[in-house]
Protein backbone atom coordinates (compact mmCIF):
# COMPACT_ATOMS: atom_id res chain seq x y z
CA UNK A 1 74.06 91.74 77.45
CA UNK A 2 72.59 92.11 80.92
CA UNK A 3 71.34 89.16 82.93
CA UNK A 4 68.74 89.63 85.67
CA UNK A 5 68.57 87.45 88.74
CA UNK A 6 64.87 86.77 88.07
CA UNK A 7 65.83 84.84 84.93
CA UNK A 8 68.48 82.97 86.92
CA UNK A 9 65.87 81.80 89.43
CA UNK A 10 63.68 80.38 86.65
CA UNK A 11 66.53 78.39 85.12
CA UNK A 12 68.18 76.89 88.18
CA UNK A 13 65.32 74.76 89.49
CA UNK A 14 64.12 73.95 92.95
CA UNK A 15 67.39 72.55 94.36
CA UNK A 16 69.26 75.53 93.00
CA UNK A 17 67.00 78.11 94.55
CA UNK A 18 69.76 78.91 97.01
CA UNK A 19 71.99 80.16 94.19
CA UNK A 20 69.30 82.55 93.00
CA UNK A 21 68.66 83.79 96.52
CA UNK A 22 72.38 84.27 97.00
CA UNK A 23 72.61 86.33 93.82
CA UNK A 24 69.51 88.29 94.76
CA UNK A 25 70.95 89.27 98.14
CA UNK A 26 73.97 90.83 96.48
CA UNK A 27 72.88 92.05 93.09
CA UNK A 28 69.49 93.72 93.24
CA UNK A 29 71.26 96.73 94.71
CA UNK A 30 73.54 97.14 91.68
CA UNK A 31 71.47 95.91 88.74
CA UNK A 32 72.27 93.17 86.23
CA UNK A 33 75.66 91.56 85.83
CA UNK A 34 77.02 91.93 82.30
CA UNK A 35 77.24 88.46 80.76
CA UNK A 36 78.92 87.50 77.50
CA UNK A 37 76.67 86.37 74.66
CA UNK A 38 78.16 82.88 74.96
CA UNK A 39 79.22 82.52 78.58
CA UNK A 40 81.52 79.69 79.51
CA UNK A 41 79.67 76.48 80.35
CA UNK A 42 80.71 73.27 82.02
CA UNK A 43 80.12 69.66 81.05
CA UNK A 44 78.44 69.26 77.68
CA UNK A 45 78.41 73.01 77.02
CA UNK A 46 74.93 73.83 78.29
CA UNK A 47 73.91 75.23 81.64
CA UNK A 48 73.34 72.45 84.15
CA UNK A 49 70.68 73.00 86.83
CA UNK A 50 72.01 72.61 90.36
CA UNK A 51 70.16 69.58 91.70
CA UNK A 52 70.75 66.92 94.30
CA UNK A 53 72.19 64.76 91.54
CA UNK A 54 74.71 67.33 90.33
CA UNK A 55 75.77 68.59 93.76
CA UNK A 56 78.75 66.76 95.24
CA UNK A 57 80.00 66.28 98.74
CA UNK A 58 82.39 68.98 99.82
CA UNK A 59 84.76 69.60 102.71
CA UNK A 60 83.57 71.51 105.76
CA UNK A 61 83.11 75.21 105.11
CA UNK A 62 83.89 76.32 108.65
CA UNK A 63 87.22 77.94 107.56
CA UNK A 64 85.17 80.81 106.07
CA UNK A 65 84.95 82.55 109.43
CA UNK A 66 88.68 82.18 109.91
CA UNK A 67 89.62 83.52 106.47
CA UNK A 68 87.10 86.34 106.38
CA UNK A 69 87.19 87.65 109.92
CA UNK A 70 90.87 88.33 110.20
CA UNK A 71 93.33 85.46 109.92
CA UNK A 72 95.62 84.76 106.99
CA UNK A 73 94.86 81.70 104.88
CA UNK A 74 96.97 78.64 105.73
CA UNK A 75 100.18 78.42 103.79
CA UNK A 76 100.07 81.99 102.49
CA UNK A 77 103.28 84.01 102.30
CA UNK A 78 102.56 87.18 104.20
CA UNK A 79 103.65 90.27 102.34
CA UNK A 80 104.87 88.33 99.29
CA UNK A 81 104.80 90.25 96.04
CA UNK A 82 102.15 89.13 93.59
CA UNK A 83 103.53 88.08 90.19
CA UNK A 84 102.21 89.95 87.18
CA UNK A 85 100.78 86.76 85.68
CA UNK A 86 98.17 86.36 88.41
CA UNK A 87 94.53 86.79 87.39
CA UNK A 88 92.76 90.10 87.82
CA UNK A 89 90.70 89.58 91.00
CA UNK A 90 87.85 91.84 89.86
CA UNK A 91 87.49 90.10 86.51
CA UNK A 92 87.66 86.66 88.12
CA UNK A 93 85.09 87.68 90.73
CA UNK A 94 82.78 88.81 87.95
CA UNK A 95 83.27 85.52 86.10
CA UNK A 96 82.32 83.61 89.25
CA UNK A 97 79.00 85.43 89.42
CA UNK A 98 78.43 84.86 85.74
CA UNK A 99 78.84 81.14 86.30
CA UNK A 100 76.43 81.25 89.24
CA UNK A 101 73.90 83.22 87.18
CA UNK A 102 74.03 80.43 84.60
CA UNK A 103 73.81 77.66 87.25
CA UNK A 104 77.38 76.49 86.59
CA UNK A 105 78.19 75.73 90.21
CA UNK A 106 81.19 73.53 89.49
CA UNK A 107 82.76 76.14 87.19
CA UNK A 108 82.08 78.84 89.80
CA UNK A 109 83.81 76.74 92.43
CA UNK A 110 86.85 76.14 90.21
CA UNK A 111 87.24 79.86 89.60
CA UNK A 112 86.75 80.63 93.28
CA UNK A 113 89.49 78.11 94.08
CA UNK A 114 91.73 79.86 91.58
CA UNK A 115 90.94 83.25 93.11
CA UNK A 116 91.86 82.32 96.68
CA UNK A 117 94.90 80.37 95.52
CA UNK A 118 96.20 83.48 93.76
CA UNK A 119 95.22 85.84 96.60
CA UNK A 120 95.06 83.93 99.92
CA UNK A 121 94.45 87.09 101.99
CA UNK A 122 91.55 88.28 99.80
CA UNK A 123 88.80 87.96 102.41
CA UNK A 124 86.01 88.70 99.95
CA UNK A 125 87.30 85.91 97.70
CA UNK A 126 87.42 83.53 100.66
CA UNK A 127 83.86 84.44 101.59
CA UNK A 128 82.55 83.87 98.06
CA UNK A 129 84.32 80.49 97.92
CA UNK A 130 82.85 79.49 101.28
CA UNK A 131 79.34 80.35 100.06
CA UNK A 132 79.86 78.28 96.91
CA UNK A 133 81.04 75.29 98.97
CA UNK A 134 77.99 75.66 101.16
CA UNK A 135 75.73 75.64 98.08
CA UNK A 136 76.73 72.02 97.47
CA UNK A 137 75.23 71.03 100.79
CA UNK A 138 72.14 73.21 101.22
CA UNK A 139 70.40 76.28 99.82
CA UNK A 140 72.27 79.51 100.52
CA UNK A 141 69.80 82.27 101.18
CA UNK A 142 72.16 85.21 101.45
CA UNK A 143 75.66 86.51 100.90
CA UNK A 144 77.96 85.22 103.65
CA UNK A 145 75.56 82.57 104.97
CA UNK A 146 78.40 80.83 106.78
CA UNK A 147 78.95 83.84 109.04
CA UNK A 148 76.91 85.22 111.96
CA UNK A 149 74.17 87.63 110.89
CA UNK A 150 74.94 91.28 111.57
CA UNK A 151 78.70 90.76 111.64
CA UNK A 152 80.38 94.11 110.95
CA UNK A 153 83.09 92.68 108.73
CA UNK A 154 80.48 90.77 106.76
CA UNK A 155 78.73 94.06 106.06
CA UNK A 156 82.04 95.56 104.92
CA UNK A 157 82.62 92.63 102.56
CA UNK A 158 79.14 93.01 101.11
CA UNK A 159 79.91 96.66 100.38
CA UNK A 160 83.20 95.71 98.76
CA UNK A 161 81.53 93.05 96.62
CA UNK A 162 78.84 95.46 95.45
CA UNK A 163 81.23 98.26 94.57
CA UNK A 164 83.68 95.94 92.78
CA UNK A 165 80.96 94.43 90.59
CA UNK A 166 79.20 97.75 90.03
CA UNK A 167 82.43 99.39 88.87
CA UNK A 168 82.95 96.62 86.33
CA UNK A 169 79.38 96.97 85.10
CA UNK A 170 79.82 100.75 84.81
CA UNK A 171 83.39 100.72 83.46
CA UNK A 172 83.81 103.80 81.24
CA UNK A 173 84.06 103.56 77.48
CA UNK A 174 87.81 103.62 76.68
CA UNK A 175 87.08 106.01 73.82
CA UNK A 176 85.81 108.63 76.27
CA UNK A 177 88.09 111.03 78.14
CA UNK A 178 87.82 112.25 81.74
CA UNK A 179 86.44 115.75 81.48
CA UNK A 180 88.92 117.02 84.05
CA UNK A 181 91.99 116.24 81.90
CA UNK A 182 91.86 119.18 79.51
CA UNK A 183 95.58 119.54 78.76
CA UNK A 184 98.82 118.03 80.04
CA UNK A 185 102.45 118.89 79.45
CA UNK A 186 104.33 116.87 76.84
CA UNK A 187 106.55 115.40 79.57
CA UNK A 188 103.62 114.22 81.72
CA UNK A 189 103.24 110.57 80.77
CA UNK A 190 100.43 109.48 83.09
CA UNK A 191 97.44 110.82 85.00
CA UNK A 192 95.62 109.15 87.90
CA UNK A 193 91.88 109.82 88.07
CA UNK A 194 90.02 108.64 91.18
CA UNK A 195 86.25 108.15 91.33
CA UNK A 196 85.37 107.81 95.03
CA UNK A 197 81.76 106.84 94.34
CA UNK A 198 82.91 103.92 92.23
CA UNK A 199 85.89 103.20 94.54
CA UNK A 200 88.08 103.15 91.44
CA UNK A 201 91.36 104.60 90.27
CA UNK A 202 91.76 105.03 86.50
CA UNK A 203 95.18 105.28 84.90
CA UNK A 204 95.50 107.32 81.70
CA UNK A 205 98.50 107.60 79.44
CA UNK A 206 99.35 110.93 77.83
CA UNK A 207 101.34 111.11 74.62
CA UNK A 208 101.66 114.42 72.77
CA UNK A 209 98.14 115.61 73.43
CA UNK A 210 96.44 112.23 73.17
CA UNK A 211 94.93 110.73 76.33
CA UNK A 212 94.43 106.95 76.40
CA UNK A 213 92.86 104.70 79.03
CA UNK A 214 95.35 102.13 80.37
CA UNK A 215 93.93 100.36 83.43
CA UNK A 216 91.85 100.74 86.57
CA UNK A 217 92.09 99.55 90.17
CA UNK A 218 89.81 99.11 93.17
CA UNK A 219 90.51 101.62 95.96
CA UNK A 220 89.38 102.40 99.49
CA UNK A 221 89.10 105.98 100.76
CA UNK A 222 88.09 107.95 103.85
CA UNK A 223 85.95 106.27 106.48
CA UNK A 224 83.61 109.30 106.54
CA UNK A 225 83.69 109.96 102.81
CA UNK A 226 85.05 112.95 100.91
CA UNK A 227 85.54 116.74 101.21
CA UNK A 228 88.31 116.81 103.78
CA UNK A 229 88.20 119.89 106.01
CA UNK A 230 90.54 119.34 108.95
CA UNK A 231 93.14 117.07 110.50
CA UNK A 232 91.70 113.81 111.77
CA UNK A 233 88.28 114.02 110.08
CA UNK A 234 88.96 110.74 108.20
CA UNK A 235 87.82 112.23 104.91
CA UNK A 236 89.48 112.18 101.51
CA UNK A 237 90.04 115.53 99.75
CA UNK A 238 88.52 116.41 96.38
CA UNK A 239 90.74 118.28 93.94
CA UNK A 240 93.72 118.26 91.58
CA UNK A 241 96.95 117.20 93.21
CA UNK A 242 100.44 115.96 92.34
CA UNK A 243 102.61 113.11 93.58
CA UNK A 244 105.31 114.74 95.72
CA UNK A 245 107.54 111.78 96.63
CA UNK A 246 107.94 108.02 96.50
CA UNK A 247 108.23 106.13 99.82
CA UNK A 248 109.41 102.53 99.37
CA UNK A 249 108.13 99.64 101.44
CA UNK A 250 111.46 99.25 103.25
CA UNK A 251 111.13 102.70 104.83
CA UNK A 252 107.55 102.29 106.07
CA UNK A 253 105.65 100.28 108.69
CA UNK A 254 103.84 97.18 107.40
CA UNK A 255 100.54 99.09 107.59
CA UNK A 256 101.39 100.87 104.32
CA UNK A 257 102.08 97.68 102.42
CA UNK A 258 103.96 97.89 99.13
CA UNK A 259 104.79 101.59 99.48
CA UNK A 260 103.31 105.07 99.52
CA UNK A 261 102.91 108.03 97.17
CA UNK A 262 102.19 111.28 99.07
CA UNK A 263 100.24 114.06 97.33
CA UNK A 264 100.37 117.83 97.86
CA UNK A 265 97.27 118.17 100.02
CA UNK A 266 96.39 120.84 100.99
CA UNK A 267 96.92 122.54 97.63
CA UNK A 268 96.53 126.27 97.01
CA UNK A 269 92.75 126.07 96.59
CA UNK A 270 92.37 124.04 99.78
CA UNK A 271 94.30 126.66 101.72
CA UNK A 272 92.28 129.46 100.08
CA UNK A 273 89.15 127.79 101.48
CA UNK A 274 90.61 127.15 104.93
CA UNK A 275 90.92 123.39 104.59
CA UNK A 276 93.51 121.79 106.82
CA UNK A 277 95.14 118.48 107.60
CA UNK A 278 98.04 116.74 105.93
CA UNK A 279 99.55 113.35 105.17
CA UNK A 280 97.23 112.26 102.37
CA UNK A 281 98.92 109.37 100.56
CA UNK A 282 98.20 106.69 98.04
CA UNK A 283 99.44 103.49 99.72
CA UNK A 284 99.09 99.71 100.00
CA UNK A 285 97.66 97.39 102.64
CA UNK A 286 99.11 95.37 105.54
CA UNK A 287 100.50 91.99 104.46
CA UNK A 288 97.68 89.97 106.04
CA UNK A 289 94.90 91.92 104.30
CA UNK A 290 94.56 91.95 100.51
CA UNK A 291 92.10 94.86 100.39
CA UNK A 292 90.03 97.13 102.61
CA UNK A 293 86.32 98.07 102.47
CA UNK A 294 85.37 101.03 100.23
CA UNK A 295 85.17 103.43 103.20
CA UNK A 296 87.94 102.45 105.58
CA UNK A 297 90.96 104.79 105.55
CA UNK A 298 91.86 107.85 107.61
CA UNK A 299 91.62 109.91 104.39
CA UNK A 300 94.26 108.26 102.23
CA UNK A 301 93.57 106.38 99.00
CA UNK A 302 94.37 102.71 99.58
CA UNK A 303 95.13 100.15 96.86
CA UNK A 304 95.93 96.46 97.03
CA UNK A 305 99.65 95.75 97.20
CA UNK A 306 99.82 94.22 93.70
CA UNK A 307 98.14 97.32 92.25
CA UNK A 308 100.36 99.64 94.28
CA UNK A 309 103.43 97.85 92.93
CA UNK A 310 102.23 98.44 89.38
CA UNK A 311 101.77 102.16 90.03
CA UNK A 312 104.82 102.73 92.16
CA UNK A 313 107.51 102.86 89.50
CA UNK A 314 105.35 104.45 86.79
CA UNK A 315 104.55 107.76 88.46
CA UNK A 316 106.77 110.83 88.10
CA UNK A 317 107.53 112.93 91.14
CA UNK A 318 106.11 116.43 90.77
CA UNK A 319 104.60 115.62 87.38
CA UNK A 320 101.94 112.94 87.74
CA UNK A 321 98.58 114.61 88.42
CA UNK A 322 96.09 112.94 90.76
CA UNK A 323 92.50 114.04 90.17
CA UNK A 324 90.20 112.99 93.02
CA UNK A 325 86.48 113.38 92.34
CA UNK A 326 83.26 112.15 93.87
CA UNK A 327 82.17 111.19 90.38
CA UNK A 328 84.28 111.29 87.24
CA UNK A 329 82.58 112.74 84.17
CA UNK A 330 83.60 111.30 80.81
CA UNK A 331 83.12 113.10 77.49
CA UNK A 332 83.69 112.30 73.84
CA UNK A 333 86.66 113.71 71.99
CA UNK A 334 84.64 116.42 70.22
CA UNK A 335 83.37 117.90 73.47
CA UNK A 336 86.79 117.50 75.09
CA UNK A 337 88.48 119.42 72.27
CA UNK A 338 85.84 122.18 72.49
CA UNK A 339 86.33 122.63 76.24
CA UNK A 340 90.10 122.47 75.87
CA UNK A 341 90.03 125.21 73.22
CA UNK A 342 87.85 127.35 75.49
CA UNK A 343 90.31 127.03 78.39
CA UNK A 344 93.28 127.83 76.16
CA UNK A 345 91.45 130.87 74.84
CA UNK A 346 91.01 132.19 78.39
CA UNK A 347 94.72 131.84 79.01
CA UNK A 348 95.63 133.46 75.71
CA UNK A 349 93.42 136.48 76.44
CA UNK A 350 95.17 136.88 79.78
CA UNK A 351 98.58 136.64 78.07
CA UNK A 352 97.66 139.29 75.51
CA UNK A 353 96.37 141.67 78.20
CA UNK A 354 99.57 141.20 80.19
CA UNK A 355 101.88 141.64 77.22
CA UNK A 356 100.08 144.75 75.95
CA UNK A 357 100.02 146.17 79.50
CA UNK A 358 96.39 147.08 78.93
CA UNK A 359 95.56 147.52 82.59
CA UNK A 360 91.79 147.73 82.18
CA UNK A 361 91.69 144.51 80.16
CA UNK A 362 94.07 142.83 82.58
CA UNK A 363 92.01 143.86 85.61
CA UNK A 364 88.87 142.52 83.90
CA UNK A 365 90.44 139.05 83.98
CA UNK A 366 90.29 138.94 87.80
CA UNK A 367 87.49 138.33 90.28
CA UNK A 368 86.69 140.86 92.98
CA UNK A 369 87.17 137.96 95.41
CA UNK A 370 90.74 137.41 94.16
CA UNK A 371 93.54 136.48 96.53
CA UNK A 372 97.21 136.15 95.65
CA UNK A 373 99.57 133.49 96.91
CA UNK A 374 100.71 135.99 99.55
CA UNK A 375 97.15 136.56 100.71
CA UNK A 376 96.76 139.97 99.05
CA UNK A 377 93.35 141.16 97.87
CA UNK A 378 92.79 142.37 94.33
CA UNK A 379 93.54 146.06 94.95
CA UNK A 380 96.81 145.47 96.82
CA UNK A 381 98.00 142.87 94.33
CA UNK A 382 97.09 144.99 91.30
CA UNK A 383 99.08 148.02 92.50
CA UNK A 384 102.19 145.83 92.74
CA UNK A 385 101.53 144.22 89.34
CA UNK A 386 101.09 147.62 87.69
CA UNK A 387 104.43 148.76 89.09
CA UNK A 388 106.10 145.61 87.85
CA UNK A 389 104.69 145.96 84.32
CA UNK A 390 105.84 149.58 84.10
CA UNK A 391 109.43 148.36 84.40
CA UNK A 392 109.17 146.41 81.12
CA UNK A 393 109.04 148.98 78.27
CA UNK A 394 108.96 146.44 75.43
CA UNK A 395 107.45 143.38 77.09
CA UNK A 396 106.86 140.09 75.28
CA UNK A 397 105.12 137.29 77.21
CA UNK A 398 105.43 133.63 76.22
CA UNK A 399 103.60 130.74 77.90
CA UNK A 400 104.79 127.13 77.76
CA UNK A 401 104.45 123.82 79.57
CA UNK A 402 100.74 124.54 80.04
CA UNK A 403 98.43 122.22 81.96
CA UNK A 404 94.68 122.73 82.22
CA UNK A 405 92.27 120.83 84.45
CA UNK A 406 88.57 121.22 85.08
CA UNK A 407 88.33 121.16 88.86
CA UNK A 408 86.45 118.18 90.37
CA UNK A 409 83.14 118.92 92.00
CA UNK A 410 82.72 122.30 90.30
CA UNK A 411 81.78 122.60 86.63
CA UNK A 412 82.52 126.31 86.77
CA UNK A 413 86.14 126.09 87.83
CA UNK A 414 89.47 125.52 86.05
CA UNK A 415 93.06 125.36 87.22
CA UNK A 416 95.90 126.30 84.87
CA UNK A 417 99.62 125.91 85.48
CA UNK A 418 102.29 127.23 83.12
CA UNK A 419 105.78 128.58 82.71
CA UNK A 420 105.75 132.32 81.89
CA UNK A 421 108.70 133.87 80.07
CA UNK A 422 108.82 137.68 80.28
CA UNK A 423 111.17 139.03 77.61
CA UNK A 424 112.47 142.47 76.71
CA UNK A 425 115.50 143.97 75.01
CA UNK A 426 117.20 144.34 78.40
CA UNK A 427 116.28 141.31 80.45
CA UNK A 428 114.47 137.99 80.74
CA UNK A 429 112.42 136.65 83.62
CA UNK A 430 110.95 133.14 83.95
CA UNK A 431 108.38 132.03 86.54
CA UNK A 432 106.12 129.04 87.07
CA UNK A 433 102.57 130.15 87.81
CA UNK A 434 99.25 128.59 88.81
CA UNK A 435 95.84 130.22 88.36
CA UNK A 436 92.40 129.11 89.55
CA UNK A 437 89.58 130.34 87.31
CA UNK A 438 85.88 130.47 88.23
CA UNK A 439 82.85 131.35 86.17
CA UNK A 440 80.97 134.39 87.44
CA UNK A 441 77.80 134.81 85.45
CA UNK A 442 78.85 134.39 81.83
CA UNK A 443 82.49 135.41 82.36
CA UNK A 444 85.51 133.47 83.56
CA UNK A 445 87.65 135.20 86.20
CA UNK A 446 90.88 134.43 88.03
CA UNK A 447 90.14 134.00 91.74
CA UNK A 448 93.60 132.85 92.86
CA UNK A 449 97.10 133.20 91.41
CA UNK A 450 100.51 132.29 92.76
CA UNK A 451 104.07 131.69 91.63
CA UNK A 452 105.04 128.12 92.45
């Protein structure tokens, strides 16, 4: 159930007003924190108001500025791999705020200690711990009270805290499916779906037509947002892409952390629309920095090193799709199956028109704005296609290894990729093809097509 900060203020008492003010400064912008029906308590099992009697003396909190503003925590192993048994930092961060919302200051401190012990270079975790230590000594009236007001990095950490907690509050129902993932090939095991508004990467597993939510990770993206247009604009592209290679840590500067996974930006649709630039990767962080603010990269998608390590060996070169969207739409299975059937029907109608060599029906499948992979307009391309079809007297067309995606940012656009087998009594021809479909009025048309 949700828990509002107003209720927290009523329960904490006068000495604990600082906790409520601290929560207010962070959480009014994102709404209530989800709290379990029976949240963990300390002591006798009931929430204990933070008073002068319950507060204890604590060490100096001056290290907060050191940890948060750039230095590595004392004793931390820079660049060390994080074992898989370490706690999820997002979940633990959420639990800390749950404890604060229930006035369990000691439990919040214990969990904050655990967080920074597991992730010494997690500056947000260090800042939260410093605030909790400060709460033992005096009221804390805002997030990051131990740091100078107006500090730029403090503002970045506030943004990171908000987006991390908001994404947990708004985590999608695992029974829902990303609308973009209409159909994947049998040999495509995983899909990566990125929601830039939520600063989140969702991992889905694909197994013979069934798509299942596996996990999700915090990400940072372009400093100036999305919709990349040109080299150096520090924006992240929106679209459907594929992992093109795997670059291990040993072959990269420390800046890229645990490794990098380049994607095929610009894709065909980007080039069709004159979008430029290159070098868009998924990669990790420098060893002295656990994570980056939500808007901080030059256009790449940046994960923490532990999360990058989890992804690195699971992806398949040339197969794993990466869908980057401003906002990911999720639908139930019934709607997903309906939209998938619609997309397959479009492709089947195109196949039938091609196989029958019904030129009028085939031409009707294409937009007047069509461009081929060679840059040809519809008339030039169609003359060549008509000549090609005339050379197959008894043509049979088979489609296999079909993928279908609804294109991010445009409800009226699909991208299909498939292997096309052209068969006759005399010869066989196999090509891999990609088509971009748009909806013009009530009809779907192919606006771009290329052999890949």
